[in-house]
């Protein structure tokens, strides 16, 4: 939100039979022009 353009999307992933690993992905529209 601070450094990138929209959109911002959160994704979480984990294996169905395993809670030992969780992946967090946050996608954005790339760097904002200098502000």
ModelCIF file with pLDDT and N, C-alpha, C, O atoms, coordinates in Angstrom:
data_MODEL
#
_entry.id   MODEL 
#
_entity.id                         1 
_entity.type                       polymer 
_entity.pdbx_number_of_molecules   1 
#
_entity_poly.entity_id                      1 
_entity_poly.type                           'polypeptide(L)' 
_entity_poly.nstd_linkage                   no 
_entity_poly.nstd_monomer                   no 
_entity_poly.pdbx_seq_one_letter_code       
;(UNK)(UNK)(UNK)(UNK)(UNK)(UNK)(UNK)(UNK)(UNK)(UNK)(UNK)(UNK)(UNK)(UNK)(UNK)(UNK)
(UNK)(UNK)(UNK)(UNK)(UNK)(UNK)(UNK)(UNK)(UNK)(UNK)(UNK)(UNK)(UNK)(UNK)(UNK)(UNK)
(UNK)(UNK)(UNK)
;
_entity_poly.pdbx_seq_one_letter_code_can   XXXXXXXXXXXXXXXXXXXXXXXXXXXXXXXXXXX 
_entity_poly.pdbx_strand_id                 A 
#
loop_
_entity_poly_seq.entity_id 
_entity_poly_seq.num 
_entity_poly_seq.mon_id 
_entity_poly_seq.hetero 
1 1  UNK n 
1 2  UNK n 
1 3  UNK n 
1 4  UNK n 
1 5  UNK n 
1 6  UNK n 
1 7  UNK n 
1 8  UNK n 
1 9  UNK n 
1 10 UNK n 
1 11 UNK n 
1 12 UNK n 
1 13 UNK n 
1 14 UNK n 
1 15 UNK n 
1 16 UNK n 
1 17 UNK n 
1 18 UNK n 
1 19 UNK n 
1 20 UNK n 
1 21 UNK n 
1 22 UNK n 
1 23 UNK n 
1 24 UNK n 
1 25 UNK n 
1 26 UNK n 
1 27 UNK n 
1 28 UNK n 
1 29 UNK n 
1 30 UNK n 
1 31 UNK n 
1 32 UNK n 
1 33 UNK n 
1 34 UNK n 
1 35 UNK n 
#
_struct_asym.id          A 
_struct_asym.entity_id   1 
#
loop_
_ma_qa_metric.id 
_ma_qa_metric.mode 
_ma_qa_metric.name 
_ma_qa_metric.software_group_id 
_ma_qa_metric.type 
1 global pLDDT . pLDDT 
2 local  pLDDT . pLDDT 
#
_ma_qa_metric_global.metric_id      1 
_ma_qa_metric_global.metric_value   87.94 
_ma_qa_metric_global.model_id       1 
_ma_qa_metric_global.ordinal_id     1 
#
loop_
_ma_qa_metric_local.label_asym_id 
_ma_qa_metric_local.label_comp_id 
_ma_qa_metric_local.label_seq_id 
_ma_qa_metric_local.metric_id 
_ma_qa_metric_local.metric_value 
_ma_qa_metric_local.model_id 
_ma_qa_metric_local.ordinal_id 
A UNK 1  2 94.00 1 1  
A UNK 2  2 90.00 1 2  
A UNK 3  2 90.00 1 3  
A UNK 4  2 94.00 1 4  
A UNK 5  2 95.00 1 5  
A UNK 6  2 96.00 1 6  
A UNK 7  2 96.00 1 7  
A UNK 8  2 97.00 1 8  
A UNK 9  2 97.00 1 9  
A UNK 10 2 98.00 1 10 
A UNK 11 2 97.00 1 11 
A UNK 12 2 97.00 1 12 
A UNK 13 2 94.00 1 13 
A UNK 14 2 91.00 1 14 
A UNK 15 2 80.00 1 15 
A UNK 16 2 72.00 1 16 
A UNK 17 2 70.00 1 17 
A UNK 18 2 66.00 1 18 
A UNK 19 2 59.00 1 19 
A UNK 20 2 74.00 1 20 
A UNK 21 2 88.00 1 21 
A UNK 22 2 94.00 1 22 
A UNK 23 2 95.00 1 23 
A UNK 24 2 97.00 1 24 
A UNK 25 2 96.00 1 25 
A UNK 26 2 97.00 1 26 
A UNK 27 2 97.00 1 27 
A UNK 28 2 97.00 1 28 
A UNK 29 2 95.00 1 29 
A UNK 30 2 93.00 1 30 
A UNK 31 2 91.00 1 31 
A UNK 32 2 85.00 1 32 
A UNK 33 2 82.00 1 33 
A UNK 34 2 68.00 1 34 
A UNK 35 2 56.00 1 35 
#
loop_
_atom_site.group_PDB 
_atom_site.id 
_atom_site.type_symbol 
_atom_site.label_atom_id 
_atom_site.label_alt_id 
_atom_site.label_comp_id 
_atom_site.label_asym_id 
_atom_site.label_entity_id 
_atom_site.label_seq_id 
_atom_site.pdbx_PDB_ins_code 
_atom_site.Cartn_x 
_atom_site.Cartn_y 
_atom_site.Cartn_z 
_atom_site.occupancy 
_atom_site.B_iso_or_equiv 
_atom_site.pdbx_formal_charge 
_atom_site.auth_seq_id 
_atom_site.auth_comp_id 
_atom_site.auth_asym_id 
_atom_site.auth_atom_id 
_atom_site.pdbx_PDB_model_num 
ATOM 1   N N  . UNK A 1 1  ? 0.826  -1.209  0.000   1.00 94.00 ? 1  UNK A N  1 
ATOM 2   C CA . UNK A 1 1  ? 0.000  0.000   0.000   1.00 94.00 ? 1  UNK A CA 1 
ATOM 3   C C  . UNK A 1 1  ? 0.862  1.262   0.000   1.00 94.00 ? 1  UNK A C  1 
ATOM 4   O O  . UNK A 1 1  ? 0.538  2.241   -0.672  1.00 94.00 ? 1  UNK A O  1 
ATOM 5   N N  . UNK A 1 2  ? 1.945  1.235   0.747   1.00 90.00 ? 2  UNK A N  1 
ATOM 6   C CA . UNK A 1 2  ? 2.795  2.419   0.867   1.00 90.00 ? 2  UNK A CA 1 
ATOM 7   C C  . UNK A 1 2  ? 3.659  2.638   -0.375  1.00 90.00 ? 2  UNK A C  1 
ATOM 8   O O  . UNK A 1 2  ? 3.849  3.773   -0.812  1.00 90.00 ? 2  UNK A O  1 
ATOM 9   N N  . UNK A 1 3  ? 4.183  1.545   -0.942  1.00 90.00 ? 3  UNK A N  1 
ATOM 10  C CA . UNK A 1 3  ? 5.204  1.680   -1.984  1.00 90.00 ? 3  UNK A CA 1 
ATOM 11  C C  . UNK A 1 3  ? 4.770  1.269   -3.389  1.00 90.00 ? 3  UNK A C  1 
ATOM 12  O O  . UNK A 1 3  ? 5.542  1.430   -4.333  1.00 90.00 ? 3  UNK A O  1 
ATOM 13  N N  . UNK A 1 4  ? 3.561  0.746   -3.551  1.00 94.00 ? 4  UNK A N  1 
ATOM 14  C CA . UNK A 1 4  ? 3.177  0.209   -4.862  1.00 94.00 ? 4  UNK A CA 1 
ATOM 15  C C  . UNK A 1 4  ? 1.815  0.745   -5.301  1.00 94.00 ? 4  UNK A C  1 
ATOM 16  O O  . UNK A 1 4  ? 1.049  1.304   -4.516  1.00 94.00 ? 4  UNK A O  1 
ATOM 17  N N  . UNK A 1 5  ? 1.558  0.549   -6.567  1.00 95.00 ? 5  UNK A N  1 
ATOM 18  C CA . UNK A 1 5  ? 0.279  0.913   -7.165  1.00 95.00 ? 5  UNK A CA 1 
ATOM 19  C C  . UNK A 1 5  ? -0.749 -0.184  -6.911  1.00 95.00 ? 5  UNK A C  1 
ATOM 20  O O  . UNK A 1 5  ? -0.380 -1.331  -6.659  1.00 95.00 ? 5  UNK A O  1 
ATOM 21  N N  . UNK A 1 6  ? -2.048 0.161   -6.977  1.00 96.00 ? 6  UNK A N  1 
ATOM 22  C CA . UNK A 1 6  ? -3.078 -0.877  -6.892  1.00 96.00 ? 6  UNK A CA 1 
ATOM 23  C C  . UNK A 1 6  ? -3.046 -1.739  -8.147  1.00 96.00 ? 6  UNK A C  1 
ATOM 24  O O  . UNK A 1 6  ? -2.462 -1.339  -9.154  1.00 96.00 ? 6  UNK A O  1 
ATOM 25  N N  . UNK A 1 7  ? -3.655 -2.898  -8.102  1.00 96.00 ? 7  UNK A N  1 
ATOM 26  C CA . UNK A 1 7  ? -4.406 -3.473  -6.993  1.00 96.00 ? 7  UNK A CA 1 
ATOM 27  C C  . UNK A 1 7  ? -3.484 -4.135  -5.974  1.00 96.00 ? 7  UNK A C  1 
ATOM 28  O O  . UNK A 1 7  ? -2.305 -4.372  -6.239  1.00 96.00 ? 7  UNK A O  1 
ATOM 29  N N  . UNK A 1 8  ? -4.046 -4.429  -4.803  1.00 97.00 ? 8  UNK A N  1 
ATOM 30  C CA . UNK A 1 8  ? -3.349 -5.199  -3.772  1.00 97.00 ? 8  UNK A CA 1 
ATOM 31  C C  . UNK A 1 8  ? -4.215 -6.428  -3.494  1.00 97.00 ? 8  UNK A C  1 
ATOM 32  O O  . UNK A 1 8  ? -5.402 -6.308  -3.192  1.00 97.00 ? 8  UNK A O  1 
ATOM 33  N N  . UNK A 1 9  ? -3.606 -7.609  -3.599  1.00 97.00 ? 9  UNK A N  1 
ATOM 34  C CA . UNK A 1 9  ? -4.348 -8.854  -3.401  1.00 97.00 ? 9  UNK A CA 1 
ATOM 35  C C  . UNK A 1 9  ? -3.547 -9.762  -2.474  1.00 97.00 ? 9  UNK A C  1 
ATOM 36  O O  . UNK A 1 9  ? -2.352 -9.976  -2.679  1.00 97.00 ? 9  UNK A O  1 
ATOM 37  N N  . UNK A 1 10 ? -4.217 -10.295 -1.452  1.00 98.00 ? 10 UNK A N  1 
ATOM 38  C CA . UNK A 1 10 ? -3.617 -11.249 -0.529  1.00 98.00 ? 10 UNK A CA 1 
ATOM 39  C C  . UNK A 1 10 ? -3.983 -12.659 -0.957  1.00 98.00 ? 10 UNK A C  1 
ATOM 40  O O  . UNK A 1 10 ? -5.142 -12.938 -1.266  1.00 98.00 ? 10 UNK A O  1 
ATOM 41  N N  . UNK A 1 11 ? -2.987 -13.556 -0.976  1.00 97.00 ? 11 UNK A N  1 
ATOM 42  C CA . UNK A 1 11 ? -3.214 -14.978 -1.235  1.00 97.00 ? 11 UNK A CA 1 
ATOM 43  C C  . UNK A 1 11 ? -2.500 -15.777 -0.157  1.00 97.00 ? 11 UNK A C  1 
ATOM 44  O O  . UNK A 1 11 ? -1.362 -15.470 0.199   1.00 97.00 ? 11 UNK A O  1 
ATOM 45  N N  . UNK A 1 12 ? -3.169 -16.803 0.363   1.00 97.00 ? 12 UNK A N  1 
ATOM 46  C CA . UNK A 1 12 ? -2.561 -17.738 1.309   1.00 97.00 ? 12 UNK A CA 1 
ATOM 47  C C  . UNK A 1 12 ? -2.656 -19.133 0.726   1.00 97.00 ? 12 UNK A C  1 
ATOM 48  O O  . UNK A 1 12 ? -3.642 -19.477 0.075   1.00 97.00 ? 12 UNK A O  1 
ATOM 49  N N  . UNK A 1 13 ? -1.616 -19.945 0.962   1.00 94.00 ? 13 UNK A N  1 
ATOM 50  C CA . UNK A 1 13 ? -1.584 -21.326 0.477   1.00 94.00 ? 13 UNK A CA 1 
ATOM 51  C C  . UNK A 1 13 ? -1.047 -22.231 1.572   1.00 94.00 ? 13 UNK A C  1 
ATOM 52  O O  . UNK A 1 13 ? -0.113 -21.870 2.288   1.00 94.00 ? 13 UNK A O  1 
ATOM 53  N N  . UNK A 1 14 ? -1.647 -23.415 1.699   1.00 91.00 ? 14 UNK A N  1 
ATOM 54  C CA . UNK A 1 14 ? -1.136 -24.447 2.601   1.00 91.00 ? 14 UNK A CA 1 
ATOM 55  C C  . UNK A 1 14 ? -1.601 -25.792 2.069   1.00 91.00 ? 14 UNK A C  1 
ATOM 56  O O  . UNK A 1 14 ? -2.686 -25.897 1.497   1.00 91.00 ? 14 UNK A O  1 
ATOM 57  N N  . UNK A 1 15 ? -0.780 -26.822 2.259   1.00 80.00 ? 15 UNK A N  1 
ATOM 58  C CA . UNK A 1 15 ? -1.168 -28.170 1.863   1.00 80.00 ? 15 UNK A CA 1 
ATOM 59  C C  . UNK A 1 15 ? -2.340 -28.613 2.724   1.00 80.00 ? 15 UNK A C  1 
ATOM 60  O O  . UNK A 1 15 ? -2.401 -28.276 3.907   1.00 80.00 ? 15 UNK A O  1 
ATOM 61  N N  . UNK A 1 16 ? -3.265 -29.357 2.150   1.00 72.00 ? 16 UNK A N  1 
ATOM 62  C CA . UNK A 1 16 ? -4.475 -29.763 2.861   1.00 72.00 ? 16 UNK A CA 1 
ATOM 63  C C  . UNK A 1 16 ? -4.179 -30.619 4.077   1.00 72.00 ? 16 UNK A C  1 
ATOM 64  O O  . UNK A 1 16 ? -4.910 -30.555 5.065   1.00 72.00 ? 16 UNK A O  1 
ATOM 65  N N  . UNK A 1 17 ? -3.133 -31.411 4.028   1.00 70.00 ? 17 UNK A N  1 
ATOM 66  C CA . UNK A 1 17 ? -2.853 -32.339 5.127   1.00 70.00 ? 17 UNK A CA 1 
ATOM 67  C C  . UNK A 1 17 ? -1.669 -31.901 5.981   1.00 70.00 ? 17 UNK A C  1 
ATOM 68  O O  . UNK A 1 17 ? -1.116 -32.702 6.735   1.00 70.00 ? 17 UNK A O  1 
ATOM 69  N N  . UNK A 1 18 ? -1.277 -30.628 5.865   1.00 66.00 ? 18 UNK A N  1 
ATOM 70  C CA . UNK A 1 18 ? -0.066 -30.181 6.553   1.00 66.00 ? 18 UNK A CA 1 
ATOM 71  C C  . UNK A 1 18 ? -0.218 -28.717 6.951   1.00 66.00 ? 18 UNK A C  1 
ATOM 72  O O  . UNK A 1 18 ? -0.406 -27.854 6.094   1.00 66.00 ? 18 UNK A O  1 
ATOM 73  N N  . UNK A 1 19 ? -0.135 -28.439 8.249   1.00 59.00 ? 19 UNK A N  1 
ATOM 74  C CA . UNK A 1 19 ? -0.190 -27.050 8.705   1.00 59.00 ? 19 UNK A CA 1 
ATOM 75  C C  . UNK A 1 19 ? 1.197  -26.531 9.045   1.00 59.00 ? 19 UNK A C  1 
ATOM 76  O O  . UNK A 1 19 ? 1.329  -25.480 9.673   1.00 59.00 ? 19 UNK A O  1 
ATOM 77  N N  . UNK A 1 20 ? 2.238  -27.258 8.633   1.00 74.00 ? 20 UNK A N  1 
ATOM 78  C CA . UNK A 1 20 ? 3.582  -26.838 9.009   1.00 74.00 ? 20 UNK A CA 1 
ATOM 79  C C  . UNK A 1 20 ? 4.167  -25.775 8.078   1.00 74.00 ? 20 UNK A C  1 
ATOM 80  O O  . UNK A 1 20 ? 5.142  -25.119 8.446   1.00 74.00 ? 20 UNK A O  1 
ATOM 81  N N  . UNK A 1 21 ? 3.610  -25.591 6.905   1.00 88.00 ? 21 UNK A N  1 
ATOM 82  C CA . UNK A 1 21 ? 4.097  -24.568 5.980   1.00 88.00 ? 21 UNK A CA 1 
ATOM 83  C C  . UNK A 1 21 ? 2.929  -23.756 5.438   1.00 88.00 ? 21 UNK A C  1 
ATOM 84  O O  . UNK A 1 21 ? 1.943  -24.309 4.950   1.00 88.00 ? 21 UNK A O  1 
ATOM 85  N N  . UNK A 1 22 ? 3.053  -22.457 5.529   1.00 94.00 ? 22 UNK A N  1 
ATOM 86  C CA . UNK A 1 22 ? 2.057  -21.552 4.974   1.00 94.00 ? 22 UNK A CA 1 
ATOM 87  C C  . UNK A 1 22 ? 2.790  -20.559 4.083   1.00 94.00 ? 22 UNK A C  1 
ATOM 88  O O  . UNK A 1 22 ? 3.813  -19.993 4.470   1.00 94.00 ? 22 UNK A O  1 
ATOM 89  N N  . UNK A 1 23 ? 2.256  -20.361 2.895   1.00 95.00 ? 23 UNK A N  1 
ATOM 90  C CA . UNK A 1 23 ? 2.815  -19.363 1.991   1.00 95.00 ? 23 UNK A CA 1 
ATOM 91  C C  . UNK A 1 23 ? 1.901  -18.138 1.976   1.00 95.00 ? 23 UNK A C  1 
ATOM 92  O O  . UNK A 1 23 ? 0.682  -18.254 1.843   1.00 95.00 ? 23 UNK A O  1 
ATOM 93  N N  . UNK A 1 24 ? 2.510  -16.980 2.113   1.00 97.00 ? 24 UNK A N  1 
ATOM 94  C CA . UNK A 1 24 ? 1.801  -15.706 2.037   1.00 97.00 ? 24 UNK A CA 1 
ATOM 95  C C  . UNK A 1 24 ? 2.263  -15.019 0.760   1.00 97.00 ? 24 UNK A C  1 
ATOM 96  O O  . UNK A 1 24 ? 3.462  -14.874 0.521   1.00 97.00 ? 24 UNK A O  1 
ATOM 97  N N  . UNK A 1 25 ? 1.312  -14.602 -0.050  1.00 96.00 ? 25 UNK A N  1 
ATOM 98  C CA . UNK A 1 25 ? 1.612  -13.845 -1.270  1.00 96.00 ? 25 UNK A CA 1 
ATOM 99  C C  . UNK A 1 25 ? 0.806  -12.553 -1.222  1.00 96.00 ? 25 UNK A C  1 
ATOM 100 O O  . UNK A 1 25 ? -0.392 -12.574 -0.941  1.00 96.00 ? 25 UNK A O  1 
ATOM 101 N N  . UNK A 1 26 ? 1.454  -11.445 -1.493  1.00 97.00 ? 26 UNK A N  1 
ATOM 102 C CA . UNK A 1 26 ? 0.759  -10.168 -1.644  1.00 97.00 ? 26 UNK A CA 1 
ATOM 103 C C  . UNK A 1 26 ? 1.173  -9.616  -3.002  1.00 97.00 ? 26 UNK A C  1 
ATOM 104 O O  . UNK A 1 26 ? 2.343  -9.319  -3.245  1.00 97.00 ? 26 UNK A O  1 
ATOM 105 N N  . UNK A 1 27 ? 0.190  -9.486  -3.874  1.00 97.00 ? 27 UNK A N  1 
ATOM 106 C CA . UNK A 1 27 ? 0.435  -8.968  -5.215  1.00 97.00 ? 27 UNK A CA 1 
ATOM 107 C C  . UNK A 1 27 ? 0.055  -7.500  -5.270  1.00 97.00 ? 27 UNK A C  1 
ATOM 108 O O  . UNK A 1 27 ? -0.895 -7.059  -4.622  1.00 97.00 ? 27 UNK A O  1 
ATOM 109 N N  . UNK A 1 28 ? 0.825  -6.744  -6.066  1.00 97.00 ? 28 UNK A N  1 
ATOM 110 C CA . UNK A 1 28 ? 0.522  -5.321  -6.239  1.00 97.00 ? 28 UNK A CA 1 
ATOM 111 C C  . UNK A 1 28 ? 0.821  -4.911  -7.666  1.00 97.00 ? 28 UNK A C  1 
ATOM 112 O O  . UNK A 1 28 ? 1.340  -5.696  -8.460  1.00 97.00 ? 28 UNK A O  1 
ATOM 113 N N  . UNK A 1 29 ? 0.487  -3.668  -7.980  1.00 95.00 ? 29 UNK A N  1 
ATOM 114 C CA . UNK A 1 29 ? 0.640  -3.147  -9.332  1.00 95.00 ? 29 UNK A CA 1 
ATOM 115 C C  . UNK A 1 29 ? 2.007  -2.592  -9.669  1.00 95.00 ? 29 UNK A C  1 
ATOM 116 O O  . UNK A 1 29 ? 2.163  -1.937  -10.700 1.00 95.00 ? 29 UNK A O  1 
ATOM 117 N N  . UNK A 1 30 ? 2.999  -2.832  -8.836  1.00 93.00 ? 30 UNK A N  1 
ATOM 118 C CA . UNK A 1 30 ? 4.348  -2.344  -9.109  1.00 93.00 ? 30 UNK A CA 1 
ATOM 119 C C  . UNK A 1 30 ? 4.624  -1.023  -8.430  1.00 93.00 ? 30 UNK A C  1 
ATOM 120 O O  . UNK A 1 30 ? 3.728  -0.414  -7.846  1.00 93.00 ? 30 UNK A O  1 
ATOM 121 N N  . UNK A 1 31 ? 5.875  -0.577  -8.507  1.00 91.00 ? 31 UNK A N  1 
ATOM 122 C CA . UNK A 1 31 ? 6.296  0.620   -7.767  1.00 91.00 ? 31 UNK A CA 1 
ATOM 123 C C  . UNK A 1 31 ? 5.500  1.862   -8.131  1.00 91.00 ? 31 UNK A C  1 
ATOM 124 O O  . UNK A 1 31 ? 5.171  2.093   -9.295  1.00 91.00 ? 31 UNK A O  1 
ATOM 125 N N  . UNK A 1 32 ? 5.196  2.658   -7.109  1.00 85.00 ? 32 UNK A N  1 
ATOM 126 C CA . UNK A 1 32 ? 4.555  3.959   -7.325  1.00 85.00 ? 32 UNK A CA 1 
ATOM 127 C C  . UNK A 1 32 ? 5.574  4.927   -7.887  1.00 85.00 ? 32 UNK A C  1 
ATOM 128 O O  . UNK A 1 32 ? 6.769  4.810   -7.613  1.00 85.00 ? 32 UNK A O  1 
ATOM 129 N N  . UNK A 1 33 ? 5.106  5.880   -8.672  1.00 82.00 ? 33 UNK A N  1 
ATOM 130 C CA . UNK A 1 33 ? 6.015  6.962   -9.054  1.00 82.00 ? 33 UNK A CA 1 
ATOM 131 C C  . UNK A 1 33 ? 6.484  7.658   -7.776  1.00 82.00 ? 33 UNK A C  1 
ATOM 132 O O  . UNK A 1 33 ? 5.804  7.597   -6.752  1.00 82.00 ? 33 UNK A O  1 
ATOM 133 N N  . UNK A 1 34 ? 7.593  8.290   -7.829  1.00 68.00 ? 34 UNK A N  1 
ATOM 134 C CA . UNK A 1 34 ? 8.141  8.961   -6.653  1.00 68.00 ? 34 UNK A CA 1 
ATOM 135 C C  . UNK A 1 34 ? 7.132  9.956   -6.112  1.00 68.00 ? 34 UNK A C  1 
ATOM 136 O O  . UNK A 1 34 ? 6.597  10.793  -6.839  1.00 68.00 ? 34 UNK A O  1 
ATOM 137 N N  . UNK A 1 35 ? 6.885  9.839   -4.807  1.00 56.00 ? 35 UNK A N  1 
ATOM 138 C CA . UNK A 1 35 ? 5.991  10.775  -4.139  1.00 56.00 ? 35 UNK A CA 1 
ATOM 139 C C  . UNK A 1 35 ? 6.735  11.374  -2.962  1.00 56.00 ? 35 UNK A C  1 
ATOM 140 O O  . UNK A 1 35 ? 6.181  12.200  -2.237  1.00 56.00 ? 35 UNK A O  1 
#
